[in-house]
Amino acid sequence: IRTLSLRQCGLRDDELATLVDAVRHHPSLAWLDLSRNSTGPDTCEALVSLLAEDIDDMSGTTTSHLAGLTLIGCGIQDAEVTRLATALCSNTMLKQLHLNENCISDTGIQDFAELLKQMH
């Protein structure tokens, strides 16, 4: 599977977090769409963990493998977008991120933009 779309499935925060954690074990998955599900702190932490690129000491490869992430209409707020941006600062794999229709204020966007300036 290269793309997984769970758009509008009514998944709870804990279910989404479990799913995101499972994505880590499927390196062929390149695109994840969780749009129109209500993400929360558990999902955010799982996404941050997934997106924060680590080098596997055994193989020398990166553990982050997603090239695309769609989170449209997930109720993401400033704190979550800041956490995601922090994880993206070390991520070299993600090429597309969709955050349309979330609850991100102008301040949240400014903070996100400042953090993205630090990306490698």
PDB file of N, CA and C in Angstrom:
ATOM      1  N   ILE A   1       0.858  -1.177   0.000  1.00  0.00           N
ATOM      2  CA  ILE A   1       0.000   0.000   0.000  1.00  0.00           C
ATOM      3  C   ILE A   1       0.896   1.230   0.000  1.00  0.00           C
ATOM      4  N   ARG A   2       0.624   2.147  -0.914  1.00  0.00           N
ATOM      5  CA  ARG A   2       1.377   3.400  -0.977  1.00  0.00           C
ATOM      6  C   ARG A   2       0.584   4.566  -0.383  1.00  0.00           C
ATOM      7  N   THR A   3      -0.752   4.472  -0.440  1.00  0.00           N
ATOM      8  CA  THR A   3      -1.611   5.550   0.047  1.00  0.00           C
ATOM      9  C   THR A   3      -2.684   4.965   0.955  1.00  0.00           C
ATOM     10  N   LEU A   4      -2.888   5.620   2.091  1.00  0.00           N
ATOM     11  CA  LEU A   4      -3.938   5.207   3.008  1.00  0.00           C
ATOM     12  C   LEU A   4      -4.821   6.407   3.290  1.00  0.00           C
ATOM     13  N   SER A   5      -6.100   6.298   2.926  1.00  0.00           N
ATOM     14  CA  SER A   5      -7.046   7.378   3.169  1.00  0.00           C
ATOM     15  C   SER A   5      -8.127   6.900   4.120  1.00  0.00           C
ATOM     16  N   LEU A   6      -8.227   7.600   5.237  1.00  0.00           N
ATOM     17  CA  LEU A   6      -9.260   7.319   6.233  1.00  0.00           C
ATOM     18  C   LEU A   6     -10.083   8.579   6.448  1.00  0.00           C
ATOM     19  N   ARG A   7     -10.378   9.226   5.350  1.00  0.00           N
ATOM     20  CA  ARG A   7     -11.125  10.478   5.350  1.00  0.00           C
ATOM     21  C   ARG A   7     -12.523  10.258   5.900  1.00  0.00           C
ATOM     22  N   GLN A   8     -12.901  11.072   6.851  1.00  0.00           N
ATOM     23  CA  GLN A   8     -14.253  11.121   7.401  1.00  0.00           C
ATOM     24  C   GLN A   8     -14.722   9.772   7.943  1.00  0.00           C
ATOM     25  N   CYS A   9     -13.867   9.124   8.704  1.00  0.00           N
ATOM     26  CA  CYS A   9     -14.223   7.815   9.265  1.00  0.00           C
ATOM     27  C   CYS A   9     -14.779   7.907  10.682  1.00  0.00           C
ATOM     28  N   GLY A  10     -14.760   9.095  11.261  1.00  0.00           N
ATOM     29  CA  GLY A  10     -15.273   9.246  12.622  1.00  0.00           C
ATOM     30  C   GLY A  10     -14.389   8.605  13.670  1.00  0.00           C
ATOM     31  N   LEU A  11     -13.103   8.508  13.374  1.00  0.00           N
ATOM     32  CA  LEU A  11     -12.179   7.892  14.316  1.00  0.00           C
ATOM     33  C   LEU A  11     -11.910   8.808  15.508  1.00  0.00           C
ATOM     34  N   ARG A  12     -11.781   8.210  16.678  1.00  0.00           N
ATOM     35  CA  ARG A  12     -11.470   8.959  17.898  1.00  0.00           C
ATOM     36  C   ARG A  12      -9.970   9.227  17.966  1.00  0.00           C
ATOM     37  N   ASP A  13      -9.599  10.152  18.836  1.00  0.00           N
ATOM     38  CA  ASP A  13      -8.203  10.536  19.003  1.00  0.00           C
ATOM     39  C   ASP A  13      -7.318   9.335  19.314  1.00  0.00           C
ATOM     40  N   ASP A  14      -7.733   8.476  20.238  1.00  0.00           N
ATOM     41  CA  ASP A  14      -6.911   7.330  20.605  1.00  0.00           C
ATOM     42  C   ASP A  14      -6.788   6.330  19.449  1.00  0.00           C
ATOM     43  N   GLU A  15      -7.850   6.172  18.667  1.00  0.00           N
ATOM     44  CA  GLU A  15      -7.803   5.275  17.509  1.00  0.00           C
ATOM     45  C   GLU A  15      -6.855   5.817  16.439  1.00  0.00           C
ATOM     46  N   LEU A  16      -6.929   7.127  16.194  1.00  0.00           N
ATOM     47  CA  LEU A  16      -6.031   7.747  15.224  1.00  0.00           C
ATOM     48  C   LEU A  16      -4.578   7.619  15.668  1.00  0.00           C
ATOM     49  N   ALA A  17      -4.318   7.831  16.957  1.00  0.00           N
ATOM     50  CA  ALA A  17      -2.956   7.724  17.480  1.00  0.00           C
ATOM     51  C   ALA A  17      -2.406   6.315  17.286  1.00  0.00           C
ATOM     52  N   THR A  18      -3.219   5.315  17.544  1.00  0.00           N
ATOM     53  CA  THR A  18      -2.801   3.921  17.348  1.00  0.00           C
ATOM     54  C   THR A  18      -2.500   3.653  15.878  1.00  0.00           C
ATOM     55  N   LEU A  19      -3.348   4.168  15.011  1.00  0.00           N
ATOM     56  CA  LEU A  19      -3.143   4.001  13.573  1.00  0.00           C
ATOM     57  C   LEU A  19      -1.853   4.676  13.109  1.00  0.00           C
ATOM     58  N   VAL A  20      -1.641   5.909  13.536  1.00  0.00           N
ATOM     59  CA  VAL A  20      -0.429   6.635  13.146  1.00  0.00           C
ATOM     60  C   VAL A  20       0.808   5.902  13.641  1.00  0.00           C
ATOM     61  N   ASP A  21       0.756   5.368  14.842  1.00  0.00           N
ATOM     62  CA  ASP A  21       1.884   4.607  15.363  1.00  0.00           C
ATOM     63  C   ASP A  21       2.151   3.367  14.509  1.00  0.00           C
ATOM     64  N   ALA A  22       1.101   2.732  14.015  1.00  0.00           N
ATOM     65  CA  ALA A  22       1.254   1.542  13.164  1.00  0.00           C
ATOM     66  C   ALA A  22       1.872   1.891  11.809  1.00  0.00           C
ATOM     67  N   VAL A  23       1.651   3.106  11.334  1.00  0.00           N
ATOM     68  CA  VAL A  23       2.211   3.539  10.046  1.00  0.00           C
ATOM     69  C   VAL A  23       3.735   3.439  10.054  1.00  0.00           C
ATOM     70  N   ARG A  24       4.333   3.649  11.194  1.00  0.00           N
ATOM     71  CA  ARG A  24       5.789   3.587  11.329  1.00  0.00           C
ATOM     72  C   ARG A  24       6.346   2.243  10.828  1.00  0.00           C
ATOM     73  N   HIS A  25       5.560   1.193  10.945  1.00  0.00           N
ATOM     74  CA  HIS A  25       6.010  -0.145  10.586  1.00  0.00           C
ATOM     75  C   HIS A  25       5.710  -0.517   9.136  1.00  0.00           C
ATOM     76  N   HIS A  26       5.252   0.443   8.353  1.00  0.00           N
ATOM     77  CA  HIS A  26       4.932   0.201   6.945  1.00  0.00           C
ATOM     78  C   HIS A  26       5.658   1.220   6.075  1.00  0.00           C
ATOM     79  N   PRO A  27       6.947   1.006   5.814  1.00  0.00           N
ATOM     80  CA  PRO A  27       7.753   1.974   5.084  1.00  0.00           C
ATOM     81  C   PRO A  27       7.335   2.188   3.628  1.00  0.00           C
ATOM     82  N   SER A  28       6.507   1.312   3.077  1.00  0.00           N
ATOM     83  CA  SER A  28       6.043   1.527   1.710  1.00  0.00           C
ATOM     84  C   SER A  28       4.935   2.573   1.634  1.00  0.00           C
ATOM     85  N   LEU A  29       4.316   2.896   2.768  1.00  0.00           N
ATOM     86  CA  LEU A  29       3.250   3.892   2.796  1.00  0.00           C
ATOM     87  C   LEU A  29       3.851   5.280   2.623  1.00  0.00           C
ATOM     88  N   ALA A  30       3.436   5.952   1.556  1.00  0.00           N
ATOM     89  CA  ALA A  30       3.993   7.266   1.241  1.00  0.00           C
ATOM     90  C   ALA A  30       3.028   8.405   1.537  1.00  0.00           C
ATOM     91  N   TRP A  31       1.722   8.122   1.599  1.00  0.00           N
ATOM     92  CA  TRP A  31       0.742   9.188   1.785  1.00  0.00           C
ATOM     93  C   TRP A  31      -0.311   8.745   2.787  1.00  0.00           C
ATOM     94  N   LEU A  32      -0.606   9.614   3.746  1.00  0.00           N
ATOM     95  CA  LEU A  32      -1.611   9.336   4.760  1.00  0.00           C
ATOM     96  C   LEU A  32      -2.616  10.471   4.789  1.00  0.00           C
ATOM     97  N   ASP A  33      -3.889  10.144   4.664  1.00  0.00           N
ATOM     98  CA  ASP A  33      -4.964  11.134   4.680  1.00  0.00           C
ATOM     99  C   ASP A  33      -5.893  10.826   5.848  1.00  0.00           C
ATOM    100  N   LEU A  34      -5.877  11.711   6.849  1.00  0.00           N
ATOM    101  CA  LEU A  34      -6.738  11.565   8.019  1.00  0.00           C
ATOM    102  C   LEU A  34      -7.792  12.667   8.069  1.00  0.00           C
ATOM    103  N   SER A  35      -8.049  13.299   6.952  1.00  0.00           N
ATOM    104  CA  SER A  35      -8.963  14.444   6.889  1.00  0.00           C
ATOM    105  C   SER A  35     -10.334  14.132   7.465  1.00  0.00           C
ATOM    106  N   ARG A  36     -10.908  15.185   8.060  1.00  0.00           N
ATOM    107  CA  ARG A  36     -12.264  15.168   8.595  1.00  0.00           C
ATOM    108  C   ARG A  36     -12.466  14.166   9.728  1.00  0.00           C
ATOM    109  N   ASN A  37     -11.370  13.852  10.424  1.00  0.00           N
ATOM    110  CA  ASN A  37     -11.433  13.109  11.672  1.00  0.00           C
ATOM    111  C   ASN A  37     -11.007  14.086  12.755  1.00  0.00           C
ATOM    112  N   SER A  38     -11.484  13.896  13.942  1.00  0.00           N
ATOM    113  CA  SER A  38     -11.189  14.825  15.018  1.00  0.00           C
ATOM    114  C   SER A  38      -9.902  14.418  15.725  1.00  0.00           C
ATOM    115  N   THR A  39      -8.804  15.035  15.322  1.00  0.00           N
ATOM    116  CA  THR A  39      -7.535  14.735  15.965  1.00  0.00           C
ATOM    117  C   THR A  39      -7.471  15.446  17.301  1.00  0.00           C
ATOM    118  N   GLY A  40      -6.642  14.949  18.168  1.00  0.00           N
ATOM    119  CA  GLY A  40      -6.456  15.542  19.486  1.00  0.00           C
ATOM    120  C   GLY A  40      -5.016  15.400  19.916  1.00  0.00           C
ATOM    121  N   PRO A  41      -4.755  15.543  21.198  1.00  0.00           N
ATOM    122  CA  PRO A  41      -3.364  15.500  21.666  1.00  0.00           C
ATOM    123  C   PRO A  41      -2.658  14.168  21.416  1.00  0.00           C
ATOM    124  N   ASP A  42      -3.378  13.058  21.533  1.00  0.00           N
ATOM    125  CA  ASP A  42      -2.744  11.753  21.291  1.00  0.00           C
ATOM    126  C   ASP A  42      -2.316  11.610  19.833  1.00  0.00           C
ATOM    127  N   THR A  43      -3.194  12.015  18.918  1.00  0.00           N
ATOM    128  CA  THR A  43      -2.874  11.942  17.494  1.00  0.00           C
ATOM    129  C   THR A  43      -1.717  12.865  17.170  1.00  0.00           C
ATOM    130  N   CYS A  44      -1.744  14.061  17.725  1.00  0.00           N
ATOM    131  CA  CYS A  44      -0.672  15.024  17.482  1.00  0.00           C
ATOM    132  C   CYS A  44       0.676  14.453  17.923  1.00  0.00           C
ATOM    133  N   GLU A  45       0.724  13.878  19.109  1.00  0.00           N
ATOM    134  CA  GLU A  45       1.985  13.313  19.603  1.00  0.00           C
ATOM    135  C   GLU A  45       2.453  12.156  18.723  1.00  0.00           C
ATOM    136  N   ALA A  46       1.520  11.327  18.257  1.00  0.00           N
ATOM    137  CA  ALA A  46       1.884  10.213  17.375  1.00  0.00           C
ATOM    138  C   ALA A  46       2.419  10.732  16.043  1.00  0.00           C
ATOM    139  N   LEU A  47       1.790  11.784  15.503  1.00  0.00           N
ATOM    140  CA  LEU A  47       2.266  12.382  14.250  1.00  0.00           C
ATOM    141  C   LEU A  47       3.644  13.014  14.429  1.00  0.00           C
ATOM    142  N   VAL A  48       3.830  13.711  15.532  1.00  0.00           N
ATOM    143  CA  VAL A  48       5.133  14.328  15.806  1.00  0.00           C
ATOM    144  C   VAL A  48       6.205  13.246  15.874  1.00  0.00           C
ATOM    145  N   SER A  49       5.910  12.167  16.557  1.00  0.00           N
ATOM    146  CA  SER A  49       6.854  11.057  16.668  1.00  0.00           C
ATOM    147  C   SER A  49       7.148  10.444  15.303  1.00  0.00           C
ATOM    148  N   LEU A  50       6.129  10.322  14.475  1.00  0.00           N
ATOM    149  CA  LEU A  50       6.304   9.749  13.142  1.00  0.00           C
ATOM    150  C   LEU A  50       7.100  10.680  12.235  1.00  0.00           C
ATOM    151  N   LEU A  51       6.818  11.975  12.302  1.00  0.00           N
ATOM    152  CA  LEU A  51       7.453  12.934  11.402  1.00  0.00           C
ATOM    153  C   LEU A  51       8.856  13.338  11.832  1.00  0.00           C
ATOM    154  N   ALA A  52       9.130  13.278  13.124  1.00  0.00           N
ATOM    155  CA  ALA A  52      10.466  13.642  13.598  1.00  0.00           C
ATOM    156  C   ALA A  52      11.434  12.587  13.073  1.00  0.00           C
ATOM    157  N   GLU A  53      12.278  13.001  12.197  1.00  0.00           N
ATOM    158  CA  GLU A  53      13.136  12.054  11.510  1.00  0.00           C
ATOM    159  C   GLU A  53      14.288  11.610  12.392  1.00  0.00           C
ATOM    160  N   ASP A  54      14.370  10.322  12.588  1.00  0.00           N
ATOM    161  CA  ASP A  54      15.464   9.730  13.349  1.00  0.00           C
ATOM    162  C   ASP A  54      16.263   8.826  12.425  1.00  0.00           C
ATOM    163  N   ILE A  55      17.531   8.679  12.714  1.00  0.00           N
ATOM    164  CA  ILE A  55      18.363   7.745  11.963  1.00  0.00           C
ATOM    165  C   ILE A  55      18.408   6.436  12.736  1.00  0.00           C
ATOM    166  N   ASP A  56      18.065   5.355  12.059  1.00  0.00           N
ATOM    167  CA  ASP A  56      18.125   4.029  12.659  1.00  0.00           C
ATOM    168  C   ASP A  56      19.600   3.636  12.777  1.00  0.00           C
ATOM    169  N   ASP A  57      20.067   3.417  13.990  1.00  0.00           N
ATOM    170  CA  ASP A  57      21.478   3.104  14.215  1.00  0.00           C
ATOM    171  C   ASP A  57      21.902   1.801  13.551  1.00  0.00           C
ATOM    172  N   MET A  58      20.980   0.868  13.428  1.00  0.00           N
ATOM    173  CA  MET A  58      21.325  -0.433  12.852  1.00  0.00           C
ATOM    174  C   MET A  58      21.480  -0.367  11.336  1.00  0.00           C
ATOM    175  N   SER A  59      20.532   0.304  10.662  1.00  0.00           N
ATOM    176  CA  SER A  59      20.545   0.303   9.202  1.00  0.00           C
ATOM    177  C   SER A  59      21.067   1.592   8.590  1.00  0.00           C
ATOM    178  N   GLY A  60      21.115   2.672   9.384  1.00  0.00           N
ATOM    179  CA  GLY A  60      21.554   3.955   8.849  1.00  0.00           C
ATOM    180  C   GLY A  60      20.491   4.670   8.041  1.00  0.00           C
ATOM    181  N   THR A  61      19.274   4.126   8.021  1.00  0.00           N
ATOM    182  CA  THR A  61      18.184   4.754   7.263  1.00  0.00           C
ATOM    183  C   THR A  61      17.316   5.595   8.188  1.00  0.00           C
ATOM    184  N   THR A  62      16.541   6.492   7.581  1.00  0.00           N
ATOM    185  CA  THR A  62      15.651   7.323   8.383  1.00  0.00           C
ATOM    186  C   THR A  62      14.373   6.558   8.678  1.00  0.00           C
ATOM    187  N   THR A  63      13.769   6.865   9.827  1.00  0.00           N
ATOM    188  CA  THR A  63      12.548   6.181  10.213  1.00  0.00           C
ATOM    189  C   THR A  63      11.309   6.882   9.697  1.00  0.00           C
ATOM    190  N   SER A  64      11.443   8.104   9.247  1.00  0.00           N
ATOM    191  CA  SER A  64      10.306   8.834   8.711  1.00  0.00           C
ATOM    192  C   SER A  64      10.234   8.598   7.212  1.00  0.00           C
ATOM    193  N   HIS A  65       9.088   8.163   6.712  1.00  0.00           N
ATOM    194  CA  HIS A  65       9.009   7.794   5.309  1.00  0.00           C
ATOM    195  C   HIS A  65       7.839   8.418   4.556  1.00  0.00           C
ATOM    196  N   LEU A  66       6.963   9.135   5.231  1.00  0.00           N
ATOM    197  CA  LEU A  66       5.812   9.739   4.553  1.00  0.00           C
ATOM    198  C   LEU A  66       6.248  10.886   3.647  1.00  0.00           C
ATOM    199  N   ALA A  67       5.739  10.890   2.431  1.00  0.00           N
ATOM    200  CA  ALA A  67       5.985  12.000   1.504  1.00  0.00           C
ATOM    201  C   ALA A  67       4.806  12.971   1.508  1.00  0.00           C
ATOM    202  N   GLY A  68       3.635  12.509   1.951  1.00  0.00           N
ATOM    203  CA  GLY A  68       2.454  13.363   1.980  1.00  0.00           C
ATOM    204  C   GLY A  68       1.569  13.069   3.172  1.00  0.00           C
ATOM    205  N   LEU A  69       1.021  14.151   3.746  1.00  0.00           N
ATOM    206  CA  LEU A  69       0.136  14.034   4.895  1.00  0.00           C
ATOM    207  C   LEU A  69      -0.998  15.032   4.721  1.00  0.00           C
ATOM    208  N   THR A  70      -2.232  14.539   4.767  1.00  0.00           N
ATOM    209  CA  THR A  70      -3.404  15.392   4.614  1.00  0.00           C
ATOM    210  C   THR A  70      -4.199  15.377   5.915  1.00  0.00           C
ATOM    211  N   LEU A  71      -4.359  16.582   6.474  1.00  0.00           N
ATOM    212  CA  LEU A  71      -5.071  16.746   7.747  1.00  0.00           C
ATOM    213  C   LEU A  71      -6.113  17.854   7.605  1.00  0.00           C
ATOM    214  N   ILE A  72      -6.904  17.798   6.570  1.00  0.00           N
ATOM    215  CA  ILE A  72      -7.914  18.829   6.303  1.00  0.00           C
ATOM    216  C   ILE A  72      -9.082  18.666   7.274  1.00  0.00           C
ATOM    217  N   GLY A  73      -9.487  19.780   7.898  1.00  0.00           N
ATOM    218  CA  GLY A  73     -10.659  19.774   8.775  1.00  0.00           C
ATOM    219  C   GLY A  73     -10.550  18.847   9.957  1.00  0.00           C
ATOM    220  N   CYS A  74      -9.398  18.833  10.601  1.00  0.00           N
ATOM    221  CA  CYS A  74      -9.177  17.930  11.739  1.00  0.00           C
ATOM    222  C   CYS A  74      -9.246  18.640  13.089  1.00  0.00           C
ATOM    223  N   GLY A  75      -9.573  19.913  13.102  1.00  0.00           N
ATOM    224  CA  GLY A  75      -9.652  20.646  14.363  1.00  0.00           C
ATOM    225  C   GLY A  75      -8.293  20.996  14.946  1.00  0.00           C
ATOM    226  N   ILE A  76      -7.273  21.000  14.104  1.00  0.00           N
ATOM    227  CA  ILE A  76      -5.921  21.320  14.563  1.00  0.00           C
ATOM    228  C   ILE A  76      -5.855  22.793  14.954  1.00  0.00           C
ATOM    229  N   GLN A  77      -5.269  23.053  16.118  1.00  0.00           N
ATOM    230  CA  GLN A  77      -5.153  24.416  16.628  1.00  0.00           C
ATOM    231  C   GLN A  77      -3.684  24.828  16.686  1.00  0.00           C
ATOM    232  N   ASP A  78      -3.434  26.035  17.187  1.00  0.00           N
ATOM    233  CA  ASP A  78      -2.082  26.597  17.203  1.00  0.00           C
ATOM    234  C   ASP A  78      -1.054  25.686  17.872  1.00  0.00           C
ATOM    235  N   ALA A  79      -1.378  25.150  19.031  1.00  0.00           N
ATOM    236  CA  ALA A  79      -0.418  24.313  19.761  1.00  0.00           C
ATOM    237  C   ALA A  79      -0.024  23.084  18.941  1.00  0.00           C
ATOM    238  N   GLU A  80      -1.006  22.452  18.294  1.00  0.00           N
ATOM    239  CA  GLU A  80      -0.715  21.260  17.500  1.00  0.00           C
ATOM    240  C   GLU A  80       0.105  21.600  16.264  1.00  0.00           C
ATOM    241  N   VAL A  81      -0.216  22.709  15.595  1.00  0.00           N
ATOM    242  CA  VAL A  81       0.516  23.060  14.382  1.00  0.00           C
ATOM    243  C   VAL A  81       1.960  23.433  14.728  1.00  0.00           C
ATOM    244  N   THR A  82       2.165  24.017  15.901  1.00  0.00           N
ATOM    245  CA  THR A  82       3.518  24.333  16.329  1.00  0.00           C
ATOM    246  C   THR A  82       4.308  23.061  16.592  1.00  0.00           C
ATOM    247  N   ARG A  83       3.677  22.079  17.236  1.00  0.00           N
ATOM    248  CA  ARG A  83       4.339  20.782  17.477  1.00  0.00           C
ATOM    249  C   ARG A  83       4.679  20.084  16.157  1.00  0.00           C
ATOM    250  N   LEU A  84       3.747  20.127  15.200  1.00  0.00           N
ATOM    251  CA  LEU A  84       4.013  19.518  13.893  1.00  0.00           C
ATOM    252  C   LEU A  84       5.174  20.209  13.188  1.00  0.00           C
ATOM    253  N   ALA A  85       5.189  21.540  13.228  1.00  0.00           N
ATOM    254  CA  ALA A  85       6.265  22.296  12.581  1.00  0.00           C
ATOM    255  C   ALA A  85       7.613  21.963  13.209  1.00  0.00           C
ATOM    256  N   THR A  86       7.642  21.788  14.513  1.00  0.00           N
ATOM    257  CA  THR A  86       8.885  21.431  15.198  1.00  0.00           C
ATOM    258  C   THR A  86       9.405  20.090  14.693  1.00  0.00           C
ATOM    259  N   ALA A  87       8.503  19.129  14.521  1.00  0.00           N
ATOM    260  CA  ALA A  87       8.900  17.817  14.003  1.00  0.00           C
ATOM    261  C   ALA A  87       9.383  17.918  12.563  1.00  0.00           C
ATOM    262  N   LEU A  88       8.782  18.795  11.792  1.00  0.00           N
ATOM    263  CA  LEU A  88       9.158  18.936  10.381  1.00  0.00           C
ATOM    264  C   LEU A  88      10.535  19.556  10.200  1.00  0.00           C
ATOM    265  N   CYS A  89      11.028  20.242  11.210  1.00  0.00           N
ATOM    266  CA  CYS A  89      12.345  20.885  11.099  1.00  0.00           C
ATOM    267  C   CYS A  89      13.455  19.879  10.818  1.00  0.00           C
ATOM    268  N   SER A  90      13.279  18.632  11.242  1.00  0.00           N
ATOM    269  CA  SER A  90      14.305  17.615  11.001  1.00  0.00           C
ATOM    270  C   SER A  90      13.873  16.606   9.933  1.00  0.00           C
ATOM    271  N   ASN A  91      12.724  16.819   9.330  1.00  0.00           N
ATOM    272  CA  ASN A  91      12.187  15.861   8.365  1.00  0.00           C
ATOM    273  C   ASN A  91      12.578  16.256   6.948  1.00  0.00           C
ATOM    274  N   THR A  92      13.164  15.320   6.217  1.00  0.00           N
ATOM    275  CA  THR A  92      13.538  15.584   4.826  1.00  0.00           C
ATOM    276  C   THR A  92      12.678  14.807   3.839  1.00  0.00           C
ATOM    277  N   MET A  93      11.777  13.972   4.316  1.00  0.00           N
ATOM    278  CA  MET A  93      10.961  13.130   3.439  1.00  0.00           C
ATOM    279  C   MET A  93       9.635  13.765   3.042  1.00  0.00           C
ATOM    280  N   LEU A  94       8.965  14.438   3.969  1.00  0.00           N
ATOM    281  CA  LEU A  94       7.630  14.969   3.707  1.00  0.00           C
ATOM    282  C   LEU A  94       7.710  16.084   2.664  1.00  0.00           C
ATOM    283  N   LYS A  95       6.974  15.917   1.591  1.00  0.00           N
ATOM    284  CA  LYS A  95       6.975  16.893   0.495  1.00  0.00           C
ATOM    285  C   LYS A  95       5.679  17.698   0.442  1.00  0.00           C
ATOM    286  N   GLN A  96       4.573  17.126   0.934  1.00  0.00           N
ATOM    287  CA  GLN A  96       3.293  17.827   0.906  1.00  0.00           C
ATOM    288  C   GLN A  96       2.566  17.641   2.231  1.00  0.00           C
ATOM    289  N   LEU A  97       2.067  18.769   2.744  1.00  0.00           N
ATOM    290  CA  LEU A  97       1.301  18.782   3.977  1.00  0.00           C
ATOM    291  C   LEU A  97       0.085  19.658   3.750  1.00  0.00           C
ATOM    292  N   HIS A  98      -1.104  19.106   3.959  1.00  0.00           N
ATOM    293  CA  HIS A  98      -2.351  19.845   3.763  1.00  0.00           C
ATOM    294  C   HIS A  98      -3.015  20.070   5.117  1.00  0.00           C
ATOM    295  N   LEU A  99      -3.159  21.348   5.485  1.00  0.00           N
ATOM    296  CA  LEU A  99      -3.753  21.719   6.770  1.00  0.00           C
ATOM    297  C   LEU A  99      -4.963  22.626   6.599  1.00  0.00           C
ATOM    298  N   ASN A 100      -5.586  22.619   5.443  1.00  0.00           N
ATOM    299  CA  ASN A 100      -6.748  23.472   5.170  1.00  0.00           C
ATOM    300  C   ASN A 100      -7.852  23.221   6.199  1.00  0.00           C
ATOM    301  N   GLU A 101      -8.667  24.244   6.401  1.00  0.00           N
ATOM    302  CA  GLU A 101      -9.894  24.153   7.204  1.00  0.00           C
ATOM    303  C   GLU A 101      -9.667  23.673   8.640  1.00  0.00           C
ATOM    304  N   ASN A 102      -8.587  24.156   9.255  1.00  0.00           N
ATOM    305  CA  ASN A 102      -8.332  23.873  10.657  1.00  0.00           C
ATOM    306  C   ASN A 102      -8.483  25.154  11.458  1.00  0.00           C
ATOM    307  N   CYS A 103      -8.288  25.080  12.748  1.00  0.00           N
ATOM    308  CA  CYS A 103      -8.505  26.216  13.661  1.00  0.00           C
ATOM    309  C   CYS A 103      -7.187  26.899  14.003  1.00  0.00           C
ATOM    310  N   ILE A 104      -6.430  27.252  12.984  1.00  0.00           N
ATOM    311  CA  ILE A 104      -5.115  27.846  13.180  1.00  0.00           C
ATOM    312  C   ILE A 104      -5.241  29.360  13.021  1.00  0.00           C
ATOM    313  N   SER A 105      -4.821  30.097  14.044  1.00  0.00           N
ATOM    314  CA  SER A 105      -4.925  31.559  14.012  1.00  0.00           C
ATOM    315  C   SER A 105      -3.761  32.159  13.223  1.00  0.00           C
ATOM    316  N   ASP A 106      -3.809  33.460  13.020  1.00  0.00           N
ATOM    317  CA  ASP A 106      -2.711  34.163  12.360  1.00  0.00           C
ATOM    318  C   ASP A 106      -1.402  33.967  13.125  1.00  0.00           C
ATOM    319  N   THR A 107      -1.483  34.001  14.441  1.00  0.00           N
ATOM    320  CA  THR A 107      -0.298  33.790  15.272  1.00  0.00           C
ATOM    321  C   THR A 107       0.253  32.380  15.068  1.00  0.00           C
ATOM    322  N   GLY A 108      -0.638  31.394  15.010  1.00  0.00           N
ATOM    323  CA  GLY A 108      -0.217  30.012  14.768  1.00  0.00           C
ATOM    324  C   GLY A 108       0.482  29.856  13.430  1.00  0.00           C
ATOM    325  N   ILE A 109      -0.039  30.528  12.411  1.00  0.00           N
ATOM    326  CA  ILE A 109       0.581  30.472  11.078  1.00  0.00           C
ATOM    327  C   ILE A 109       1.950  31.137  11.113  1.00  0.00           C
ATOM    328  N   GLN A 110       2.060  32.269  11.807  1.00  0.00           N
ATOM    329  CA  GLN A 110       3.348  32.961  11.910  1.00  0.00           C
ATOM    330  C   GLN A 110       4.375  32.085  12.630  1.00  0.00           C
ATOM    331  N   ASP A 111       3.961  31.456  13.722  1.00  0.00           N
ATOM    332  CA  ASP A 111       4.868  30.563  14.444  1.00  0.00           C
ATOM    333  C   ASP A 111       5.283  29.386  13.567  1.00  0.00           C
ATOM    334  N   PHE A 112       4.323  28.835  12.835  1.00  0.00           N
ATOM    335  CA  PHE A 112       4.588  27.719  11.922  1.00  0.00           C
ATOM    336  C   PHE A 112       5.615  28.143  10.872  1.00  0.00           C
ATOM    337  N   ALA A 113       5.420  29.312  10.291  1.00  0.00           N
ATOM    338  CA  ALA A 113       6.331  29.819   9.257  1.00  0.00           C
ATOM    339  C   ALA A 113       7.736  30.027   9.809  1.00  0.00           C
ATOM    340  N   GLU A 114       7.833  30.570  11.009  1.00  0.00           N
ATOM    341  CA  GLU A 114       9.161  30.783  11.627  1.00  0.00           C
ATOM    342  C   GLU A 114       9.876  29.453  11.846  1.00  0.00           C
ATOM    343  N   LEU A 115       9.166  28.444  12.305  1.00  0.00           N
ATOM    344  CA  LEU A 115       9.770  27.146  12.515  1.00  0.00           C
ATOM    345  C   LEU A 115      10.182  26.497  11.201  1.00  0.00           C
ATOM    346  N   LEU A 116       9.392  26.688  10.162  1.00  0.00           N
ATOM    347  CA  LEU A 116       9.729  26.077   8.870  1.00  0.00           C
ATOM    348  C   LEU A 116      11.002  26.680   8.265  1.00  0.00           C
ATOM    349  N   LYS A 117      11.324  27.898   8.646  1.00  0.00           N
ATOM    350  CA  LYS A 117      12.577  28.517   8.174  1.00  0.00           C
ATOM    351  C   LYS A 117      13.783  27.719   8.649  1.00  0.00           C
ATOM    352  N   GLN A 118      13.602  26.943   9.698  1.00  0.00           N
ATOM    353  CA  GLN A 118      14.695  26.152  10.260  1.00  0.00           C
ATOM    354  C   GLN A 118      14.836  24.780   9.598  1.00  0.00           C
ATOM    355  N   MET A 119      13.942  24.468   8.675  1.00  0.00           N
ATOM    356  CA  MET A 119      13.979  23.138   8.043  1.00  0.00           C
ATOM    357  C   MET A 119      15.261  22.947   7.249  1.00  0.00           C
ATOM    358  N   HIS A 120      15.711  21.717   7.217  1.00  0.00           N
ATOM    359  CA  HIS A 120      16.923  21.369   6.479  1.00  0.00           C
ATOM    360  C   HIS A 120      16.603  21.135   5.026  1.00  0.00           C
TER     361      HIS A 120
END
